[in-house]
Amino acid sequence: MSLRDYSIRLRLIIGFSIMVVAVIIIGIISNNSLSKTKQIVNVSNHLEETQISLLNARLKVTYFMMYGDTENVNQVNQYIELALSHVDSSQLYSIYNDQRSEFLKNTSSNIIMILISMQN
């Protein structure tokens, strides 16, 4: 039986049903894509804040090494802890999976120990 054999009413119902199903499928795909995009933006923002904190820590280390200002060591610790908290926050998202985070944590801990030993 061909589609021409059906009544106009039945053909319209079939056509609109196909359109409704297509719109629902596109809506579901769009919603999932927007959710992933939101996660990517959140991870990107956390990593940007991490970068800013690490650059500030690096600047304070430079001040400490050049001028021997021990006040900067405490600020370095604060900036590094802030950077690590941003890395931890970005790891909460399922879209972010980077093995270098552990390396960053270990390196940061070593930097803090070195600075404390230099301070004393």
PDB file of N, CA and C in Angstrom:
ATOM      1  N   MET A   1       0.835  -1.165   0.000  1.00  0.00           N
ATOM      2  CA  MET A   1       0.000   0.000   0.000  1.00  0.00           C
ATOM      3  C   MET A   1       0.887   1.238   0.000  1.00  0.00           C
ATOM      4  N   SER A   2       0.652   2.139  -0.880  1.00  0.00           N
ATOM      5  CA  SER A   2       1.443   3.347  -1.013  1.00  0.00           C
ATOM      6  C   SER A   2       0.876   4.451  -0.135  1.00  0.00           C
ATOM      7  N   LEU A   3       1.665   5.490   0.093  1.00  0.00           N
ATOM      8  CA  LEU A   3       1.248   6.608   0.940  1.00  0.00           C
ATOM      9  C   LEU A   3       0.075   7.347   0.309  1.00  0.00           C
ATOM     10  N   ARG A   4      -0.049   7.294  -1.006  1.00  0.00           N
ATOM     11  CA  ARG A   4      -1.149   7.978  -1.701  1.00  0.00           C
ATOM     12  C   ARG A   4      -2.500   7.315  -1.429  1.00  0.00           C
ATOM     13  N   ASP A   5      -2.448   6.093  -0.991  1.00  0.00           N
ATOM     14  CA  ASP A   5      -3.700   5.391  -0.717  1.00  0.00           C
ATOM     15  C   ASP A   5      -4.328   5.813   0.609  1.00  0.00           C
ATOM     16  N   TYR A   6      -3.528   6.457   1.490  1.00  0.00           N
ATOM     17  CA  TYR A   6      -4.053   6.899   2.775  1.00  0.00           C
ATOM     18  C   TYR A   6      -4.820   8.199   2.592  1.00  0.00           C
ATOM     19  N   SER A   7      -5.677   8.489   3.550  1.00  0.00           N
ATOM     20  CA  SER A   7      -6.448   9.740   3.483  1.00  0.00           C
ATOM     21  C   SER A   7      -5.531  10.915   3.814  1.00  0.00           C
ATOM     22  N   ILE A   8      -5.954  12.102   3.468  1.00  0.00           N
ATOM     23  CA  ILE A   8      -5.164  13.310   3.740  1.00  0.00           C
ATOM     24  C   ILE A   8      -4.974  13.484   5.244  1.00  0.00           C
ATOM     25  N   ARG A   9      -5.994  13.193   6.005  1.00  0.00           N
ATOM     26  CA  ARG A   9      -5.925  13.303   7.470  1.00  0.00           C
ATOM     27  C   ARG A   9      -4.823  12.405   8.026  1.00  0.00           C
ATOM     28  N   LEU A  10      -4.778  11.169   7.575  1.00  0.00           N
ATOM     29  CA  LEU A  10      -3.777  10.220   8.054  1.00  0.00           C
ATOM     30  C   LEU A  10      -2.376  10.629   7.604  1.00  0.00           C
ATOM     31  N   ARG A  11      -2.263  11.128   6.396  1.00  0.00           N
ATOM     32  CA  ARG A  11      -0.950  11.587   5.914  1.00  0.00           C
ATOM     33  C   ARG A  11      -0.458  12.784   6.722  1.00  0.00           C
ATOM     34  N   LEU A  12      -1.354  13.714   7.051  1.00  0.00           N
ATOM     35  CA  LEU A  12      -0.966  14.865   7.873  1.00  0.00           C
ATOM     36  C   LEU A  12      -0.553  14.431   9.274  1.00  0.00           C
ATOM     37  N   ILE A  13      -1.285  13.496   9.854  1.00  0.00           N
ATOM     38  CA  ILE A  13      -0.941  12.995  11.188  1.00  0.00           C
ATOM     39  C   ILE A  13       0.427  12.331  11.170  1.00  0.00           C
ATOM     40  N   ILE A  14       0.689  11.511  10.165  1.00  0.00           N
ATOM     41  CA  ILE A  14       1.994  10.850  10.057  1.00  0.00           C
ATOM     42  C   ILE A  14       3.106  11.886   9.879  1.00  0.00           C
ATOM     43  N   GLY A  15       2.897  12.860   9.016  1.00  0.00           N
ATOM     44  CA  GLY A  15       3.909  13.899   8.763  1.00  0.00           C
ATOM     45  C   GLY A  15       4.225  14.712  10.002  1.00  0.00           C
ATOM     46  N   PHE A  16       3.170  15.156  10.704  1.00  0.00           N
ATOM     47  CA  PHE A  16       3.403  15.941  11.914  1.00  0.00           C
ATOM     48  C   PHE A  16       3.998  15.088  13.038  1.00  0.00           C
ATOM     49  N   SER A  17       3.636  13.829  13.094  1.00  0.00           N
ATOM     50  CA  SER A  17       4.231  12.941  14.102  1.00  0.00           C
ATOM     51  C   SER A  17       5.725  12.779  13.872  1.00  0.00           C
ATOM     52  N   ILE A  18       6.105  12.635  12.612  1.00  0.00           N
ATOM     53  CA  ILE A  18       7.535  12.532  12.290  1.00  0.00           C
ATOM     54  C   ILE A  18       8.250  13.825  12.674  1.00  0.00           C
ATOM     55  N   MET A  19       7.631  14.970  12.425  1.00  0.00           N
ATOM     56  CA  MET A  19       8.255  16.253  12.770  1.00  0.00           C
ATOM     57  C   MET A  19       8.388  16.411  14.291  1.00  0.00           C
ATOM     58  N   VAL A  20       7.377  15.997  15.033  1.00  0.00           N
ATOM     59  CA  VAL A  20       7.429  16.102  16.500  1.00  0.00           C
ATOM     60  C   VAL A  20       8.543  15.218  17.053  1.00  0.00           C
ATOM     61  N   VAL A  21       8.658  14.010  16.545  1.00  0.00           N
ATOM     62  CA  VAL A  21       9.726  13.107  16.993  1.00  0.00           C
ATOM     63  C   VAL A  21      11.091  13.692  16.654  1.00  0.00           C
ATOM     64  N   ALA A  22      11.223  14.269  15.462  1.00  0.00           N
ATOM     65  CA  ALA A  22      12.501  14.872  15.067  1.00  0.00           C
ATOM     66  C   ALA A  22      12.855  16.053  15.969  1.00  0.00           C
ATOM     67  N   VAL A  23      11.877  16.885  16.311  1.00  0.00           N
ATOM     68  CA  VAL A  23      12.121  18.033  17.186  1.00  0.00           C
ATOM     69  C   VAL A  23      12.516  17.565  18.589  1.00  0.00           C
ATOM     70  N   ILE A  24      11.881  16.528  19.086  1.00  0.00           N
ATOM     71  CA  ILE A  24      12.225  15.988  20.406  1.00  0.00           C
ATOM     72  C   ILE A  24      13.657  15.448  20.409  1.00  0.00           C
ATOM     73  N   ILE A  25      14.033  14.716  19.370  1.00  0.00           N
ATOM     74  CA  ILE A  25      15.398  14.177  19.283  1.00  0.00           C
ATOM     75  C   ILE A  25      16.413  15.301  19.215  1.00  0.00           C
ATOM     76  N   ILE A  26      16.147  16.317  18.410  1.00  0.00           N
ATOM     77  CA  ILE A  26      17.068  17.458  18.306  1.00  0.00           C
ATOM     78  C   ILE A  26      17.161  18.192  19.637  1.00  0.00           C
ATOM     79  N   GLY A  27      16.044  18.315  20.354  1.00  0.00           N
ATOM     80  CA  GLY A  27      16.057  18.964  21.666  1.00  0.00           C
ATOM     81  C   GLY A  27      16.907  18.221  22.671  1.00  0.00           C
ATOM     82  N   ILE A  28      16.804  16.906  22.682  1.00  0.00           N
ATOM     83  CA  ILE A  28      17.606  16.097  23.606  1.00  0.00           C
ATOM     84  C   ILE A  28      19.088  16.224  23.283  1.00  0.00           C
ATOM     85  N   ILE A  29      19.432  16.151  22.005  1.00  0.00           N
ATOM     86  CA  ILE A  29      20.841  16.287  21.594  1.00  0.00           C
ATOM     87  C   ILE A  29      21.362  17.676  21.949  1.00  0.00           C
ATOM     88  N   SER A  30      20.563  18.710  21.729  1.00  0.00           N
ATOM     89  CA  SER A  30      20.977  20.079  22.051  1.00  0.00           C
ATOM     90  C   SER A  30      21.200  20.262  23.545  1.00  0.00           C
ATOM     91  N   ASN A  31      20.312  19.707  24.342  1.00  0.00           N
ATOM     92  CA  ASN A  31      20.442  19.819  25.795  1.00  0.00           C
ATOM     93  C   ASN A  31      21.725  19.159  26.285  1.00  0.00           C
ATOM     94  N   ASN A  32      22.039  17.975  25.764  1.00  0.00           N
ATOM     95  CA  ASN A  32      23.277  17.297  26.156  1.00  0.00           C
ATOM     96  C   ASN A  32      24.504  18.087  25.716  1.00  0.00           C
ATOM     97  N   SER A  33      24.445  18.661  24.514  1.00  0.00           N
ATOM     98  CA  SER A  33      25.580  19.443  24.014  1.00  0.00           C
ATOM     99  C   SER A  33      25.787  20.703  24.838  1.00  0.00           C
ATOM    100  N   LEU A  34      24.702  21.366  25.220  1.00  0.00           N
ATOM    101  CA  LEU A  34      24.830  22.559  26.055  1.00  0.00           C
ATOM    102  C   LEU A  34      25.387  22.218  27.425  1.00  0.00           C
ATOM    103  N   SER A  35      25.004  21.080  27.956  1.00  0.00           N
ATOM    104  CA  SER A  35      25.523  20.653  29.250  1.00  0.00           C
ATOM    105  C   SER A  35      27.031  20.410  29.182  1.00  0.00           C
ATOM    106  N   LYS A  36      27.470  19.747  28.117  1.00  0.00           N
ATOM    107  CA  LYS A  36      28.913  19.510  27.957  1.00  0.00           C
ATOM    108  C   LYS A  36      29.664  20.816  27.748  1.00  0.00           C
ATOM    109  N   THR A  37      29.080  21.732  26.980  1.00  0.00           N
ATOM    110  CA  THR A  37      29.712  23.027  26.747  1.00  0.00           C
ATOM    111  C   THR A  37      29.843  23.801  28.052  1.00  0.00           C
ATOM    112  N   LYS A  38      28.824  23.738  28.891  1.00  0.00           N
ATOM    113  CA  LYS A  38      28.878  24.411  30.190  1.00  0.00           C
ATOM    114  C   LYS A  38      29.996  23.824  31.043  1.00  0.00           C
ATOM    115  N   GLN A  39      30.158  22.509  31.028  1.00  0.00           N
ATOM    116  CA  GLN A  39      31.236  21.877  31.784  1.00  0.00           C
ATOM    117  C   GLN A  39      32.595  22.315  31.250  1.00  0.00           C
ATOM    118  N   ILE A  40      32.734  22.393  29.938  1.00  0.00           N
ATOM    119  CA  ILE A  40      34.004  22.822  29.343  1.00  0.00           C
ATOM    120  C   ILE A  40      34.331  24.252  29.764  1.00  0.00           C
ATOM    121  N   VAL A  41      33.346  25.120  29.756  1.00  0.00           N
ATOM    122  CA  VAL A  41      33.567  26.510  30.163  1.00  0.00           C
ATOM    123  C   VAL A  41      33.948  26.576  31.645  1.00  0.00           C
ATOM    124  N   ASN A  42      33.285  25.805  32.484  1.00  0.00           N
ATOM    125  CA  ASN A  42      33.618  25.805  33.913  1.00  0.00           C
ATOM    126  C   ASN A  42      35.039  25.306  34.158  1.00  0.00           C
ATOM    127  N   VAL A  43      35.421  24.235  33.477  1.00  0.00           N
ATOM    128  CA  VAL A  43      36.793  23.721  33.613  1.00  0.00           C
ATOM    129  C   VAL A  43      37.791  24.754  33.123  1.00  0.00           C
ATOM    130  N   SER A  44      37.473  25.389  32.008  1.00  0.00           N
ATOM    131  CA  SER A  44      38.358  26.413  31.462  1.00  0.00           C
ATOM    132  C   SER A  44      38.525  27.571  32.439  1.00  0.00           C
ATOM    133  N   ASN A  45      37.442  27.983  33.075  1.00  0.00           N
ATOM    134  CA  ASN A  45      37.532  29.066  34.059  1.00  0.00           C
ATOM    135  C   ASN A  45      38.372  28.659  35.268  1.00  0.00           C
ATOM    136  N   HIS A  46      38.205  27.425  35.741  1.00  0.00           N
ATOM    137  CA  HIS A  46      39.019  26.953  36.876  1.00  0.00           C
ATOM    138  C   HIS A  46      40.497  26.904  36.497  1.00  0.00           C
ATOM    139  N   LEU A  47      40.789  26.441  35.297  1.00  0.00           N
ATOM    140  CA  LEU A  47      42.190  26.356  34.881  1.00  0.00           C
ATOM    141  C   LEU A  47      42.794  27.739  34.635  1.00  0.00           C
ATOM    142  N   GLU A  48      41.980  28.681  34.198  1.00  0.00           N
ATOM    143  CA  GLU A  48      42.466  30.049  34.041  1.00  0.00           C
ATOM    144  C   GLU A  48      42.809  30.650  35.401  1.00  0.00           C
ATOM    145  N   GLU A  49      41.952  30.410  36.386  1.00  0.00           N
ATOM    146  CA  GLU A  49      42.235  30.877  37.745  1.00  0.00           C
ATOM    147  C   GLU A  49      43.484  30.197  38.309  1.00  0.00           C
ATOM    148  N   THR A  50      43.681  28.933  37.960  1.00  0.00           N
ATOM    149  CA  THR A  50      44.896  28.221  38.374  1.00  0.00           C
ATOM    150  C   THR A  50      46.123  28.889  37.790  1.00  0.00           C
ATOM    151  N   GLN A  51      46.050  29.211  36.520  1.00  0.00           N
ATOM    152  CA  GLN A  51      47.179  29.860  35.862  1.00  0.00           C
ATOM    153  C   GLN A  51      47.493  31.207  36.503  1.00  0.00           C
ATOM    154  N   ILE A  52      46.475  31.992  36.791  1.00  0.00           N
ATOM    155  CA  ILE A  52      46.687  33.293  37.424  1.00  0.00           C
ATOM    156  C   ILE A  52      47.317  33.130  38.804  1.00  0.00           C
ATOM    157  N   SER A  53      46.846  32.165  39.574  1.00  0.00           N
ATOM    158  CA  SER A  53      47.412  31.938  40.917  1.00  0.00           C
ATOM    159  C   SER A  53      48.866  31.495  40.839  1.00  0.00           C
ATOM    160  N   LEU A  54      49.174  30.616  39.876  1.00  0.00           N
ATOM    161  CA  LEU A  54      50.560  30.158  39.746  1.00  0.00           C
ATOM    162  C   LEU A  54      51.483  31.277  39.264  1.00  0.00           C
ATOM    163  N   LEU A  55      50.990  32.142  38.394  1.00  0.00           N
ATOM    164  CA  LEU A  55      51.804  33.281  37.961  1.00  0.00           C
ATOM    165  C   LEU A  55      52.058  34.249  39.121  1.00  0.00           C
ATOM    166  N   ASN A  56      51.044  34.459  39.956  1.00  0.00           N
ATOM    167  CA  ASN A  56      51.239  35.305  41.140  1.00  0.00           C
ATOM    168  C   ASN A  56      52.236  34.677  42.105  1.00  0.00           C
ATOM    169  N   ALA A  57      52.159  33.368  42.276  1.00  0.00           N
ATOM    170  CA  ALA A  57      53.121  32.672  43.143  1.00  0.00           C
ATOM    171  C   ALA A  57      54.534  32.822  42.588  1.00  0.00           C
ATOM    172  N   ARG A  58      54.652  32.695  41.291  1.00  0.00           N
ATOM    173  CA  ARG A  58      55.973  32.828  40.662  1.00  0.00           C
ATOM    174  C   ARG A  58      56.529  34.234  40.873  1.00  0.00           C
ATOM    175  N   LEU A  59      55.676  35.236  40.773  1.00  0.00           N
ATOM    176  CA  LEU A  59      56.101  36.609  41.001  1.00  0.00           C
ATOM    177  C   LEU A  59      56.572  36.804  42.444  1.00  0.00           C
ATOM    178  N   LYS A  60      55.855  36.227  43.388  1.00  0.00           N
ATOM    179  CA  LYS A  60      56.248  36.339  44.796  1.00  0.00           C
ATOM    180  C   LYS A  60      57.562  35.611  45.071  1.00  0.00           C
ATOM    181  N   VAL A  61      57.786  34.479  44.402  1.00  0.00           N
ATOM    182  CA  VAL A  61      59.061  33.773  44.549  1.00  0.00           C
ATOM    183  C   VAL A  61      60.197  34.645  44.029  1.00  0.00           C
ATOM    184  N   THR A  62      59.951  35.314  42.926  1.00  0.00           N
ATOM    185  CA  THR A  62      60.968  36.216  42.376  1.00  0.00           C
ATOM    186  C   THR A  62      61.286  37.337  43.361  1.00  0.00           C
ATOM    187  N   TYR A  63      60.255  37.929  43.973  1.00  0.00           N
ATOM    188  CA  TYR A  63      60.489  38.964  44.973  1.00  0.00           C
ATOM    189  C   TYR A  63      61.276  38.422  46.153  1.00  0.00           C
ATOM    190  N   PHE A  64      60.938  37.208  46.568  1.00  0.00           N
ATOM    191  CA  PHE A  64      61.647  36.600  47.693  1.00  0.00           C
ATOM    192  C   PHE A  64      63.115  36.386  47.355  1.00  0.00           C
ATOM    193  N   MET A  65      63.374  35.871  46.161  1.00  0.00           N
ATOM    194  CA  MET A  65      64.758  35.569  45.784  1.00  0.00           C
ATOM    195  C   MET A  65      65.570  36.842  45.558  1.00  0.00           C
ATOM    196  N   MET A  66      64.937  37.873  45.044  1.00  0.00           N
ATOM    197  CA  MET A  66      65.672  39.106  44.764  1.00  0.00           C
ATOM    198  C   MET A  66      65.877  39.955  46.017  1.00  0.00           C
ATOM    199  N   TYR A  67      64.853  40.050  46.853  1.00  0.00           N
ATOM    200  CA  TYR A  67      64.910  40.980  47.969  1.00  0.00           C
ATOM    201  C   TYR A  67      64.931  40.295  49.328  1.00  0.00           C
ATOM    202  N   GLY A  68      64.775  38.980  49.365  1.00  0.00           N
ATOM    203  CA  GLY A  68      64.792  38.257  50.630  1.00  0.00           C
ATOM    204  C   GLY A  68      63.595  38.563  51.517  1.00  0.00           C
ATOM    205  N   ASP A  69      62.519  39.002  50.919  1.00  0.00           N
ATOM    206  CA  ASP A  69      61.318  39.358  51.667  1.00  0.00           C
ATOM    207  C   ASP A  69      60.562  38.087  52.055  1.00  0.00           C
ATOM    208  N   THR A  70      60.619  37.737  53.342  1.00  0.00           N
ATOM    209  CA  THR A  70      60.002  36.483  53.798  1.00  0.00           C
ATOM    210  C   THR A  70      58.477  36.553  53.821  1.00  0.00           C
ATOM    211  N   GLU A  71      57.941  37.748  53.772  1.00  0.00           N
ATOM    212  CA  GLU A  71      56.492  37.893  53.727  1.00  0.00           C
ATOM    213  C   GLU A  71      55.923  37.292  52.436  1.00  0.00           C
ATOM    214  N   ASN A  72      56.712  37.322  51.396  1.00  0.00           N
ATOM    215  CA  ASN A  72      56.261  36.780  50.112  1.00  0.00           C
ATOM    216  C   ASN A  72      56.148  35.261  50.135  1.00  0.00           C
ATOM    217  N   VAL A  73      56.897  34.595  51.007  1.00  0.00           N
ATOM    218  CA  VAL A  73      56.824  33.131  51.082  1.00  0.00           C
ATOM    219  C   VAL A  73      55.440  32.686  51.524  1.00  0.00           C
ATOM    220  N   ASN A  74      54.888  33.377  52.504  1.00  0.00           N
ATOM    221  CA  ASN A  74      53.537  33.030  52.955  1.00  0.00           C
ATOM    222  C   ASN A  74      52.516  33.248  51.843  1.00  0.00           C
ATOM    223  N   GLN A  75      52.706  34.312  51.076  1.00  0.00           N
ATOM    224  CA  GLN A  75      51.794  34.570  49.960  1.00  0.00           C
ATOM    225  C   GLN A  75      51.953  33.523  48.867  1.00  0.00           C
ATOM    226  N   VAL A  76      53.169  33.031  48.673  1.00  0.00           N
ATOM    227  CA  VAL A  76      53.389  31.956  47.698  1.00  0.00           C
ATOM    228  C   VAL A  76      52.594  30.725  48.108  1.00  0.00           C
ATOM    229  N   ASN A  77      52.662  30.388  49.381  1.00  0.00           N
ATOM    230  CA  ASN A  77      51.892  29.240  49.880  1.00  0.00           C
ATOM    231  C   ASN A  77      50.396  29.429  49.623  1.00  0.00           C
ATOM    232  N   GLN A  78      49.911  30.627  49.864  1.00  0.00           N
ATOM    233  CA  GLN A  78      48.485  30.893  49.654  1.00  0.00           C
ATOM    234  C   GLN A  78      48.114  30.757  48.178  1.00  0.00           C
ATOM    235  N   TYR A  79      48.945  31.314  47.304  1.00  0.00           N
ATOM    236  CA  TYR A  79      48.652  31.236  45.865  1.00  0.00           C
ATOM    237  C   TYR A  79      48.707  29.796  45.358  1.00  0.00           C
ATOM    238  N   ILE A  80      49.667  29.046  45.840  1.00  0.00           N
ATOM    239  CA  ILE A  80      49.782  27.648  45.396  1.00  0.00           C
ATOM    240  C   ILE A  80      48.597  26.831  45.913  1.00  0.00           C
ATOM    241  N   GLU A  81      48.208  27.048  47.153  1.00  0.00           N
ATOM    242  CA  GLU A  81      47.038  26.345  47.687  1.00  0.00           C
ATOM    243  C   GLU A  81      45.777  26.712  46.905  1.00  0.00           C
ATOM    244  N   LEU A  82      45.654  27.976  46.537  1.00  0.00           N
ATOM    245  CA  LEU A  82      44.511  28.415  45.742  1.00  0.00           C
ATOM    246  C   LEU A  82      44.518  27.748  44.369  1.00  0.00           C
ATOM    247  N   ALA A  83      45.701  27.672  43.752  1.00  0.00           N
ATOM    248  CA  ALA A  83      45.814  27.022  42.442  1.00  0.00           C
ATOM    249  C   ALA A  83      45.439  25.550  42.532  1.00  0.00           C
ATOM    250  N   LEU A  84      45.913  24.890  43.579  1.00  0.00           N
ATOM    251  CA  LEU A  84      45.589  23.466  43.739  1.00  0.00           C
ATOM    252  C   LEU A  84      44.097  23.256  43.994  1.00  0.00           C
ATOM    253  N   SER A  85      43.469  24.184  44.700  1.00  0.00           N
ATOM    254  CA  SER A  85      42.030  24.043  44.921  1.00  0.00           C
ATOM    255  C   SER A  85      41.262  24.215  43.610  1.00  0.00           C
ATOM    256  N   HIS A  86      41.763  25.086  42.722  1.00  0.00           N
ATOM    257  CA  HIS A  86      41.127  25.237  41.410  1.00  0.00           C
ATOM    258  C   HIS A  86      41.310  23.977  40.561  1.00  0.00           C
ATOM    259  N   VAL A  87      42.472  23.359  40.662  1.00  0.00           N
ATOM    260  CA  VAL A  87      42.693  22.111  39.916  1.00  0.00           C
ATOM    261  C   VAL A  87      41.760  21.025  40.445  1.00  0.00           C
ATOM    262  N   ASP A  88      41.637  20.948  41.773  1.00  0.00           N
ATOM    263  CA  ASP A  88      40.712  19.966  42.354  1.00  0.00           C
ATOM    264  C   ASP A  88      39.274  20.225  41.915  1.00  0.00           C
ATOM    265  N   SER A  89      38.897  21.489  41.858  1.00  0.00           N
ATOM    266  CA  SER A  89      37.537  21.836  41.419  1.00  0.00           C
ATOM    267  C   SER A  89      37.303  21.441  39.965  1.00  0.00           C
ATOM    268  N   SER A  90      38.306  21.620  39.132  1.00  0.00           N
ATOM    269  CA  SER A  90      38.137  21.267  37.718  1.00  0.00           C
ATOM    270  C   SER A  90      38.085  19.758  37.528  1.00  0.00           C
ATOM    271  N   GLN A  91      38.687  19.008  38.453  1.00  0.00           N
ATOM    272  CA  GLN A  91      38.649  17.551  38.331  1.00  0.00           C
ATOM    273  C   GLN A  91      37.297  16.973  38.716  1.00  0.00           C
ATOM    274  N   LEU A  92      36.445  17.771  39.327  1.00  0.00           N
ATOM    275  CA  LEU A  92      35.109  17.294  39.688  1.00  0.00           C
ATOM    276  C   LEU A  92      34.233  17.074  38.456  1.00  0.00           C
ATOM    277  N   TYR A  93      34.586  17.737  37.368  1.00  0.00           N
ATOM    278  CA  TYR A  93      33.803  17.592  36.142  1.00  0.00           C
ATOM    279  C   TYR A  93      34.266  16.356  35.392  1.00  0.00           C
ATOM    280  N   SER A  94      33.317  15.614  34.883  1.00  0.00           N
ATOM    281  CA  SER A  94      33.645  14.354  34.208  1.00  0.00           C
ATOM    282  C   SER A  94      34.392  14.579  32.897  1.00  0.00           C
ATOM    283  N   ILE A  95      34.286  15.786  32.360  1.00  0.00           N
ATOM    284  CA  ILE A  95      34.896  16.050  31.061  1.00  0.00           C
ATOM    285  C   ILE A  95      36.406  16.290  31.190  1.00  0.00           C
ATOM    286  N   TYR A  96      36.867  16.606  32.404  1.00  0.00           N
ATOM    287  CA  TYR A  96      38.282  16.920  32.623  1.00  0.00           C
ATOM    288  C   TYR A  96      38.980  15.715  33.226  1.00  0.00           C
ATOM    289  N   ASN A  97      39.973  15.233  32.520  1.00  0.00           N
ATOM    290  CA  ASN A  97      40.759  14.111  33.025  1.00  0.00           C
ATOM    291  C   ASN A  97      42.200  14.309  32.557  1.00  0.00           C
ATOM    292  N   ASP A  98      43.006  14.848  33.426  1.00  0.00           N
ATOM    293  CA  ASP A  98      44.386  15.141  33.057  1.00  0.00           C
ATOM    294  C   ASP A  98      45.316  14.548  34.115  1.00  0.00           C
ATOM    295  N   GLN A  99      46.255  13.749  33.673  1.00  0.00           N
ATOM    296  CA  GLN A  99      47.179  13.091  34.588  1.00  0.00           C
ATOM    297  C   GLN A  99      48.224  14.061  35.142  1.00  0.00           C
ATOM    298  N   ARG A 100      48.380  15.218  34.507  1.00  0.00           N
ATOM    299  CA  ARG A 100      49.389  16.171  34.959  1.00  0.00           C
ATOM    300  C   ARG A 100      49.008  16.855  36.263  1.00  0.00           C
ATOM    301  N   SER A 101      47.786  16.684  36.701  1.00  0.00           N
ATOM    302  CA  SER A 101      47.343  17.315  37.938  1.00  0.00           C
ATOM    303  C   SER A 101      48.129  16.790  39.137  1.00  0.00           C
ATOM    304  N   GLU A 102      48.376  15.499  39.161  1.00  0.00           N
ATOM    305  CA  GLU A 102      49.178  14.921  40.258  1.00  0.00           C
ATOM    306  C   GLU A 102      50.600  15.476  40.227  1.00  0.00           C
ATOM    307  N   PHE A 103      51.166  15.612  39.031  1.00  0.00           N
ATOM    308  CA  PHE A 103      52.503  16.189  38.905  1.00  0.00           C
ATOM    309  C   PHE A 103      52.516  17.612  39.435  1.00  0.00           C
ATOM    310  N   LEU A 104      51.476  18.377  39.112  1.00  0.00           N
ATOM    311  CA  LEU A 104      51.382  19.752  39.594  1.00  0.00           C
ATOM    312  C   LEU A 104      51.305  19.794  41.114  1.00  0.00           C
ATOM    313  N   LYS A 105      50.539  18.901  41.699  1.00  0.00           N
ATOM    314  CA  LYS A 105      50.425  18.860  43.155  1.00  0.00           C
ATOM    315  C   LYS A 105      51.759  18.512  43.803  1.00  0.00           C
ATOM    316  N   ASN A 106      52.455  17.514  43.259  1.00  0.00           N
ATOM    317  CA  ASN A 106      53.757  17.122  43.815  1.00  0.00           C
ATOM    318  C   ASN A 106      54.780  18.237  43.675  1.00  0.00           C
ATOM    319  N   THR A 107      54.810  18.865  42.508  1.00  0.00           N
ATOM    320  CA  THR A 107      55.749  19.953  42.275  1.00  0.00           C
ATOM    321  C   THR A 107      55.462  21.126  43.202  1.00  0.00           C
ATOM    322  N   SER A 108      54.195  21.438  43.375  1.00  0.00           N
ATOM    323  CA  SER A 108      53.819  22.547  44.259  1.00  0.00           C
ATOM    324  C   SER A 108      54.240  22.270  45.696  1.00  0.00           C
ATOM    325  N   SER A 109      54.052  21.036  46.140  1.00  0.00           N
ATOM    326  CA  SER A 109      54.478  20.671  47.495  1.00  0.00           C
ATOM    327  C   SER A 109      55.984  20.816  47.640  1.00  0.00           C
ATOM    328  N   ASN A 110      56.729  20.401  46.626  1.00  0.00           N
ATOM    329  CA  ASN A 110      58.188  20.533  46.668  1.00  0.00           C
ATOM    330  C   ASN A 110      58.606  21.998  46.701  1.00  0.00           C
ATOM    331  N   ILE A 111      57.937  22.832  45.935  1.00  0.00           N
ATOM    332  CA  ILE A 111      58.267  24.258  45.918  1.00  0.00           C
ATOM    333  C   ILE A 111      58.021  24.866  47.291  1.00  0.00           C
ATOM    334  N   ILE A 112      56.917  24.502  47.903  1.00  0.00           N
ATOM    335  CA  ILE A 112      56.614  25.037  49.234  1.00  0.00           C
ATOM    336  C   ILE A 112      57.677  24.604  50.239  1.00  0.00           C
ATOM    337  N   MET A 113      58.098  23.335  50.191  1.00  0.00           N
ATOM    338  CA  MET A 113      59.135  22.868  51.132  1.00  0.00           C
ATOM    339  C   MET A 113      60.464  23.577  50.889  1.00  0.00           C
ATOM    340  N   ILE A 114      60.812  23.780  49.646  1.00  0.00           N
ATOM    341  CA  ILE A 114      62.074  24.487  49.331  1.00  0.00           C
ATOM    342  C   ILE A 114      62.032  25.911  49.845  1.00  0.00           C
ATOM    343  N   LEU A 115      60.916  26.590  49.622  1.00  0.00           N
ATOM    344  CA  LEU A 115      60.814  27.974  50.073  1.00  0.00           C
ATOM    345  C   LEU A 115      60.858  28.079  51.597  1.00  0.00           C
ATOM    346  N   ILE A 116      60.222  27.140  52.256  1.00  0.00           N
ATOM    347  CA  ILE A 116      60.245  27.164  53.724  1.00  0.00           C
ATOM    348  C   ILE A 116      61.676  26.920  54.224  1.00  0.00           C
ATOM    349  N   SER A 117      62.397  25.997  53.567  1.00  0.00           N
ATOM    350  CA  SER A 117      63.774  25.741  53.987  1.00  0.00           C
ATOM    351  C   SER A 117      64.658  26.952  53.684  1.00  0.00           C
ATOM    352  N   MET A 118      64.402  27.640  52.585  1.00  0.00           N
ATOM    353  CA  MET A 118      65.188  28.858  52.266  1.00  0.00           C
ATOM    354  C   MET A 118      64.874  29.986  53.216  1.00  0.00           C
ATOM    355  N   GLN A 119      63.629  29.998  53.697  1.00  0.00           N
ATOM    356  CA  GLN A 119      63.201  31.061  54.603  1.00  0.00           C
ATOM    357  C   GLN A 119      63.908  30.939  55.950  1.00  0.00           C
ATOM    358  N   ASN A 120      64.165  29.697  56.375  1.00  0.00           N
ATOM    359  CA  ASN A 120      64.811  29.470  57.679  1.00  0.00           C
ATOM    360  C   ASN A 120      66.273  29.575  57.532  1.00  0.00           C
TER     361      ASN A 120
END
